[in-house]
Amino acid sequence: MLEKMGAIVVASPSAKKVDYMIYTDNGEYKLLEQAEELGIIVIPISRFNRMVLEGDKV
């Protein structure tokens, strides 16, 4: 779904260019703060799962 929106999907947070970050609902909040500071769209996995099931976009 994210690839259809033009994002490149990687499984590692150490990637050089990140557009979206999907995290577990009990994720590491320091990393989330840094992601938001860098303009990365953060999405909790529960919301992402609903998006997939309902066919929504970010």
N, C-alpha and C. Protein backbone atom coordinates (compact mmCIF):
# COMPACT_ATOMS: atom_id res chain seq x y z
N MET A 1 0.82 -1.18 0.00
CA MET A 1 0.00 0.00 0.00
C MET A 1 0.87 1.26 0.00
N LEU A 2 1.89 1.29 0.85
CA LEU A 2 2.76 2.46 0.88
C LEU A 2 3.57 2.59 -0.40
N GLU A 3 3.95 1.45 -0.98
CA GLU A 3 4.69 1.50 -2.24
C GLU A 3 3.84 2.12 -3.34
N LYS A 4 2.54 1.86 -3.34
CA LYS A 4 1.64 2.46 -4.32
C LYS A 4 1.56 3.97 -4.15
N MET A 5 1.87 4.45 -2.93
CA MET A 5 1.85 5.87 -2.65
C MET A 5 3.20 6.52 -2.93
N GLY A 6 4.15 5.74 -3.48
CA GLY A 6 5.45 6.29 -3.83
C GLY A 6 6.53 6.11 -2.78
N ALA A 7 6.23 5.39 -1.71
CA ALA A 7 7.22 5.19 -0.65
C ALA A 7 8.05 3.95 -0.95
N ILE A 8 9.28 3.96 -0.47
CA ILE A 8 10.14 2.79 -0.54
C ILE A 8 10.07 2.12 0.82
N VAL A 9 9.78 0.84 0.85
CA VAL A 9 9.59 0.14 2.11
C VAL A 9 10.88 -0.58 2.49
N VAL A 10 11.38 -0.29 3.71
CA VAL A 10 12.55 -0.96 4.25
C VAL A 10 12.22 -1.44 5.66
N ALA A 11 12.90 -2.47 6.10
CA ALA A 11 12.62 -3.03 7.42
C ALA A 11 13.53 -2.47 8.50
N SER A 12 14.42 -1.57 8.15
CA SER A 12 15.40 -1.06 9.10
C SER A 12 15.23 0.43 9.33
N PRO A 13 15.26 0.88 10.60
CA PRO A 13 15.18 2.32 10.86
C PRO A 13 16.46 3.07 10.53
N SER A 14 17.50 2.36 10.11
CA SER A 14 18.77 3.02 9.79
C SER A 14 18.87 3.40 8.31
N ALA A 15 17.78 3.31 7.59
CA ALA A 15 17.79 3.67 6.16
C ALA A 15 18.10 5.16 6.01
N LYS A 16 18.65 5.53 4.87
CA LYS A 16 19.05 6.92 4.65
C LYS A 16 17.86 7.83 4.36
N LYS A 17 16.86 7.34 3.64
CA LYS A 17 15.69 8.16 3.32
C LYS A 17 14.44 7.40 3.75
N VAL A 18 13.69 7.99 4.65
CA VAL A 18 12.49 7.34 5.18
C VAL A 18 11.33 8.30 5.04
N ASP A 19 10.23 7.84 4.45
CA ASP A 19 9.03 8.65 4.30
C ASP A 19 8.00 8.35 5.39
N TYR A 20 7.84 7.06 5.67
CA TYR A 20 6.85 6.60 6.65
C TYR A 20 7.51 5.64 7.61
N MET A 21 7.07 5.65 8.85
CA MET A 21 7.56 4.68 9.82
C MET A 21 6.34 4.07 10.50
N ILE A 22 6.23 2.76 10.41
CA ILE A 22 5.14 2.03 11.05
C ILE A 22 5.73 1.40 12.30
N TYR A 23 5.08 1.63 13.45
CA TYR A 23 5.65 1.16 14.70
C TYR A 23 4.59 0.43 15.52
N THR A 24 5.07 -0.44 16.42
CA THR A 24 4.14 -1.12 17.32
C THR A 24 3.58 -0.11 18.29
N ASP A 25 2.39 -0.33 18.74
CA ASP A 25 1.72 0.64 19.61
C ASP A 25 2.48 0.90 20.91
N ASN A 26 3.36 0.00 21.29
CA ASN A 26 4.19 0.22 22.48
C ASN A 26 5.63 0.49 22.04
N GLY A 27 5.78 1.24 20.95
CA GLY A 27 7.09 1.49 20.35
C GLY A 27 7.99 2.38 21.17
N GLU A 28 9.23 2.51 20.70
CA GLU A 28 10.24 3.33 21.36
C GLU A 28 9.94 4.80 21.07
N TYR A 29 9.51 5.52 22.07
CA TYR A 29 9.00 6.88 21.85
C TYR A 29 10.09 7.88 21.50
N LYS A 30 11.32 7.68 21.93
CA LYS A 30 12.41 8.58 21.56
C LYS A 30 12.61 8.54 20.05
N LEU A 31 12.57 7.36 19.48
CA LEU A 31 12.71 7.21 18.03
C LEU A 31 11.55 7.89 17.31
N LEU A 32 10.35 7.81 17.87
CA LEU A 32 9.19 8.46 17.26
C LEU A 32 9.35 9.97 17.26
N GLU A 33 9.86 10.53 18.36
CA GLU A 33 10.09 11.97 18.43
C GLU A 33 11.09 12.40 17.37
N GLN A 34 12.16 11.64 17.21
CA GLN A 34 13.18 11.96 16.20
C GLN A 34 12.59 11.87 14.80
N ALA A 35 11.76 10.88 14.57
CA ALA A 35 11.14 10.71 13.25
C ALA A 35 10.27 11.91 12.92
N GLU A 36 9.47 12.35 13.88
CA GLU A 36 8.60 13.50 13.65
C GLU A 36 9.41 14.77 13.41
N GLU A 37 10.53 14.93 14.11
CA GLU A 37 11.40 16.09 13.91
C GLU A 37 11.97 16.11 12.49
N LEU A 38 12.18 14.92 11.93
CA LEU A 38 12.74 14.81 10.57
C LEU A 38 11.66 14.85 9.49
N GLY A 39 10.41 15.00 9.89
CA GLY A 39 9.33 15.08 8.92
C GLY A 39 8.86 13.73 8.40
N ILE A 40 9.17 12.68 9.14
CA ILE A 40 8.75 11.33 8.76
C ILE A 40 7.34 11.10 9.30
N ILE A 41 6.46 10.58 8.48
CA ILE A 41 5.10 10.29 8.90
C ILE A 41 5.12 9.00 9.71
N VAL A 42 4.70 9.08 10.96
CA VAL A 42 4.68 7.90 11.83
C VAL A 42 3.25 7.38 11.94
N ILE A 43 3.11 6.05 11.82
CA ILE A 43 1.80 5.42 11.84
C ILE A 43 1.85 4.23 12.79
N PRO A 44 0.99 4.20 13.81
CA PRO A 44 0.95 3.02 14.68
C PRO A 44 0.43 1.81 13.89
N ILE A 45 0.93 0.64 14.23
CA ILE A 45 0.57 -0.57 13.48
C ILE A 45 -0.93 -0.84 13.54
N SER A 46 -1.59 -0.49 14.63
CA SER A 46 -3.04 -0.72 14.71
C SER A 46 -3.76 0.12 13.65
N ARG A 47 -3.34 1.36 13.46
CA ARG A 47 -3.95 2.21 12.43
C ARG A 47 -3.60 1.69 11.03
N PHE A 48 -2.35 1.27 10.84
CA PHE A 48 -1.93 0.75 9.55
C PHE A 48 -2.74 -0.49 9.18
N ASN A 49 -2.95 -1.37 10.14
CA ASN A 49 -3.75 -2.58 9.88
C ASN A 49 -5.17 -2.21 9.46
N ARG A 50 -5.77 -1.22 10.14
CA ARG A 50 -7.12 -0.76 9.74
C ARG A 50 -7.10 -0.19 8.33
N MET A 51 -6.04 0.57 8.01
CA MET A 51 -5.93 1.16 6.67
C MET A 51 -5.89 0.07 5.61
N VAL A 52 -5.13 -0.99 5.88
CA VAL A 52 -5.03 -2.10 4.93
C VAL A 52 -6.38 -2.78 4.76
N LEU A 53 -7.04 -3.07 5.87
CA LEU A 53 -8.33 -3.76 5.81
C LEU A 53 -9.41 -2.93 5.12
N GLU A 54 -9.35 -1.61 5.32
CA GLU A 54 -10.38 -0.73 4.76
C GLU A 54 -9.97 -0.11 3.42
N GLY A 55 -8.72 -0.32 3.01
CA GLY A 55 -8.25 0.22 1.74
C GLY A 55 -8.03 1.72 1.77
N ASP A 56 -7.75 2.27 2.94
CA ASP A 56 -7.53 3.71 3.09
C ASP A 56 -6.12 4.10 2.67
N LYS A 57 -5.92 5.43 2.58
CA LYS A 57 -4.60 6.00 2.34
C LYS A 57 -4.20 6.84 3.53
N VAL A 58 -2.91 7.14 3.62
CA VAL A 58 -2.40 7.97 4.73
C VAL A 58 -3.00 9.34 4.66
